[in-house]
């Protein structure tokens, strides 16, 4: 979303998100959904030890429990 904030030493080449910062919010969300769907289909990504397996929508935390 904020390409200027990316580390210039790291290569971020994911064509689905090219110029996402210039797209309307609805299109940004649609592209994210498409990206998640593609990633879920990649076994090497899903089974990688650094993959966070928590749901995308985390439960709301409350200080009152």
N, C-alpha and C. Protein backbone atom coordinates (compact mmCIF):
# COMPACT_ATOMS: atom_id res chain seq x y z
N UNK A 1 0.81 -1.19 0.00
CA UNK A 1 0.00 0.00 0.00
C UNK A 1 0.86 1.26 0.00
N UNK A 2 2.00 1.20 0.70
CA UNK A 2 2.90 2.35 0.79
C UNK A 2 4.28 1.96 0.28
N UNK A 3 4.47 1.94 -1.05
CA UNK A 3 5.74 1.45 -1.60
C UNK A 3 6.95 2.25 -1.14
N UNK A 4 6.78 3.51 -0.79
CA UNK A 4 7.91 4.31 -0.32
C UNK A 4 8.42 3.83 1.04
N UNK A 5 7.59 3.10 1.77
CA UNK A 5 7.97 2.62 3.10
C UNK A 5 8.73 1.29 3.03
N UNK A 6 8.79 0.68 1.86
CA UNK A 6 9.47 -0.61 1.72
C UNK A 6 10.98 -0.41 1.78
N UNK A 7 11.65 -1.41 2.27
CA UNK A 7 13.11 -1.40 2.32
C UNK A 7 13.65 -1.48 0.90
N UNK A 8 14.39 -0.47 0.44
CA UNK A 8 14.89 -0.49 -0.94
C UNK A 8 15.85 -1.65 -1.22
N UNK A 9 16.42 -2.23 -0.17
CA UNK A 9 17.32 -3.36 -0.34
C UNK A 9 16.57 -4.66 -0.60
N UNK A 10 15.29 -4.69 -0.27
CA UNK A 10 14.49 -5.90 -0.47
C UNK A 10 13.76 -5.78 -1.81
N UNK A 11 13.66 -6.86 -2.50
CA UNK A 11 12.97 -6.87 -3.78
C UNK A 11 11.53 -7.29 -3.55
N UNK A 12 10.61 -6.43 -3.86
CA UNK A 12 9.20 -6.73 -3.72
C UNK A 12 8.61 -6.73 -5.12
N UNK A 13 8.44 -7.91 -5.68
CA UNK A 13 7.93 -8.02 -7.03
C UNK A 13 6.74 -8.96 -7.03
N UNK A 14 5.58 -8.41 -6.80
CA UNK A 14 4.35 -9.19 -6.81
C UNK A 14 3.38 -8.45 -7.73
N UNK A 15 3.31 -8.85 -9.00
CA UNK A 15 2.58 -8.09 -10.01
C UNK A 15 1.12 -7.80 -9.66
N UNK A 16 0.51 -8.66 -8.87
CA UNK A 16 -0.88 -8.44 -8.50
C UNK A 16 -1.06 -7.10 -7.78
N UNK A 17 -0.01 -6.68 -7.06
CA UNK A 17 -0.12 -5.47 -6.26
C UNK A 17 0.60 -4.26 -6.87
N UNK A 18 0.98 -4.35 -8.14
CA UNK A 18 1.63 -3.21 -8.78
C UNK A 18 0.73 -1.98 -8.74
N UNK A 19 1.29 -0.89 -8.28
CA UNK A 19 0.59 0.40 -8.19
C UNK A 19 -0.73 0.31 -7.44
N UNK A 20 -0.80 -0.54 -6.43
CA UNK A 20 -2.03 -0.70 -5.65
C UNK A 20 -2.40 0.60 -4.94
N UNK A 21 -1.38 1.41 -4.64
CA UNK A 21 -1.64 2.67 -3.95
C UNK A 21 -2.39 3.66 -4.84
N UNK A 22 -2.44 3.41 -6.14
CA UNK A 22 -3.13 4.31 -7.06
C UNK A 22 -4.56 3.84 -7.39
N UNK A 23 -4.97 2.71 -6.84
CA UNK A 23 -6.28 2.14 -7.14
C UNK A 23 -7.30 2.55 -6.08
N UNK A 24 -8.58 2.46 -6.44
CA UNK A 24 -9.66 2.75 -5.49
C UNK A 24 -9.68 1.67 -4.41
N UNK A 25 -10.21 2.04 -3.26
CA UNK A 25 -10.23 1.14 -2.09
C UNK A 25 -10.89 -0.21 -2.41
N UNK A 26 -12.01 -0.20 -3.12
CA UNK A 26 -12.71 -1.45 -3.45
C UNK A 26 -11.82 -2.36 -4.30
N UNK A 27 -11.08 -1.78 -5.24
CA UNK A 27 -10.19 -2.58 -6.08
C UNK A 27 -9.00 -3.10 -5.27
N UNK A 28 -8.52 -2.30 -4.32
CA UNK A 28 -7.43 -2.75 -3.44
C UNK A 28 -7.86 -3.99 -2.67
N UNK A 29 -9.07 -3.95 -2.12
CA UNK A 29 -9.58 -5.09 -1.34
C UNK A 29 -9.76 -6.31 -2.23
N UNK A 30 -10.26 -6.10 -3.44
CA UNK A 30 -10.45 -7.20 -4.37
C UNK A 30 -9.12 -7.85 -4.71
N UNK A 31 -8.09 -7.04 -4.95
CA UNK A 31 -6.76 -7.57 -5.25
C UNK A 31 -6.19 -8.35 -4.06
N UNK A 32 -6.44 -7.86 -2.86
CA UNK A 32 -5.97 -8.57 -1.67
C UNK A 32 -6.64 -9.94 -1.57
N UNK A 33 -7.95 -9.98 -1.78
CA UNK A 33 -8.66 -11.26 -1.73
C UNK A 33 -8.10 -12.23 -2.76
N UNK A 34 -7.84 -11.71 -3.97
CA UNK A 34 -7.28 -12.55 -5.03
C UNK A 34 -5.90 -13.06 -4.64
N UNK A 35 -5.08 -12.19 -4.04
CA UNK A 35 -3.75 -12.59 -3.60
C UNK A 35 -3.79 -13.66 -2.52
N UNK A 36 -4.71 -13.53 -1.58
CA UNK A 36 -4.86 -14.53 -0.52
C UNK A 36 -5.27 -15.86 -1.12
N UNK A 37 -6.22 -15.83 -2.06
CA UNK A 37 -6.67 -17.05 -2.72
C UNK A 37 -5.52 -17.73 -3.44
N UNK A 38 -4.69 -16.95 -4.13
CA UNK A 38 -3.54 -17.52 -4.83
C UNK A 38 -2.53 -18.11 -3.84
N UNK A 39 -2.28 -17.41 -2.75
CA UNK A 39 -1.30 -17.88 -1.77
C UNK A 39 -1.75 -19.16 -1.09
N UNK A 40 -3.04 -19.27 -0.80
CA UNK A 40 -3.57 -20.47 -0.15
C UNK A 40 -3.38 -21.69 -1.05
N UNK A 41 -3.38 -21.47 -2.35
CA UNK A 41 -3.22 -22.57 -3.29
C UNK A 41 -1.76 -23.02 -3.43
N UNK A 42 -0.81 -22.27 -2.87
CA UNK A 42 0.61 -22.61 -2.98
C UNK A 42 1.04 -23.40 -1.75
N UNK A 43 1.22 -24.70 -1.93
CA UNK A 43 1.57 -25.56 -0.79
C UNK A 43 2.87 -25.14 -0.12
N UNK A 44 3.86 -24.71 -0.91
CA UNK A 44 5.14 -24.33 -0.31
C UNK A 44 4.98 -23.10 0.58
N UNK A 45 4.04 -22.21 0.26
CA UNK A 45 3.79 -21.04 1.10
C UNK A 45 3.01 -21.44 2.35
N UNK A 46 1.96 -22.21 2.15
CA UNK A 46 1.11 -22.62 3.27
C UNK A 46 1.90 -23.44 4.29
N UNK A 47 2.79 -24.30 3.81
CA UNK A 47 3.53 -25.19 4.70
C UNK A 47 4.86 -24.62 5.19
N UNK A 48 5.19 -23.41 4.78
CA UNK A 48 6.44 -22.80 5.21
C UNK A 48 6.38 -22.49 6.71
N UNK A 49 7.46 -22.74 7.46
CA UNK A 49 7.43 -22.51 8.91
C UNK A 49 7.19 -21.04 9.31
N UNK A 50 7.46 -20.10 8.41
CA UNK A 50 7.24 -18.69 8.76
C UNK A 50 5.82 -18.21 8.43
N UNK A 51 5.00 -19.09 7.86
CA UNK A 51 3.63 -18.71 7.53
C UNK A 51 2.81 -18.64 8.82
N UNK A 52 2.17 -17.51 9.01
CA UNK A 52 1.29 -17.31 10.17
C UNK A 52 -0.02 -18.02 9.89
N UNK A 53 -0.37 -18.98 10.69
CA UNK A 53 -1.56 -19.80 10.45
C UNK A 53 -2.81 -19.28 11.16
N UNK A 54 -2.68 -18.14 11.81
CA UNK A 54 -3.87 -17.58 12.47
C UNK A 54 -4.86 -17.09 11.42
N UNK A 55 -6.15 -17.02 11.78
CA UNK A 55 -7.13 -16.49 10.84
C UNK A 55 -6.79 -15.05 10.48
N UNK A 56 -7.20 -14.62 9.28
CA UNK A 56 -6.93 -13.25 8.86
C UNK A 56 -7.67 -12.25 9.73
N UNK A 57 -8.83 -12.63 10.20
CA UNK A 57 -9.58 -11.75 11.09
C UNK A 57 -9.37 -12.26 12.50
N UNK A 58 -8.60 -11.50 13.27
CA UNK A 58 -8.28 -11.91 14.62
C UNK A 58 -9.41 -11.52 15.57
N UNK A 59 -9.60 -12.28 16.63
CA UNK A 59 -10.64 -11.94 17.59
C UNK A 59 -10.33 -10.59 18.26
N UNK A 60 -11.36 -9.90 18.65
CA UNK A 60 -11.19 -8.63 19.33
C UNK A 60 -10.72 -8.90 20.73
N UNK A 61 -9.63 -8.23 21.11
CA UNK A 61 -9.09 -8.39 22.45
C UNK A 61 -9.73 -7.39 23.38
N UNK A 62 -10.05 -7.83 24.55
CA UNK A 62 -10.66 -6.95 25.54
C UNK A 62 -9.88 -7.06 26.84
N UNK A 63 -9.62 -5.91 27.46
CA UNK A 63 -8.92 -5.90 28.74
C UNK A 63 -9.79 -6.52 29.83
N UNK A 64 -11.08 -6.57 29.61
CA UNK A 64 -12.02 -7.11 30.61
C UNK A 64 -12.21 -8.61 30.44
N UNK A 65 -11.59 -9.19 29.43
CA UNK A 65 -11.69 -10.63 29.23
C UNK A 65 -12.90 -10.97 28.51
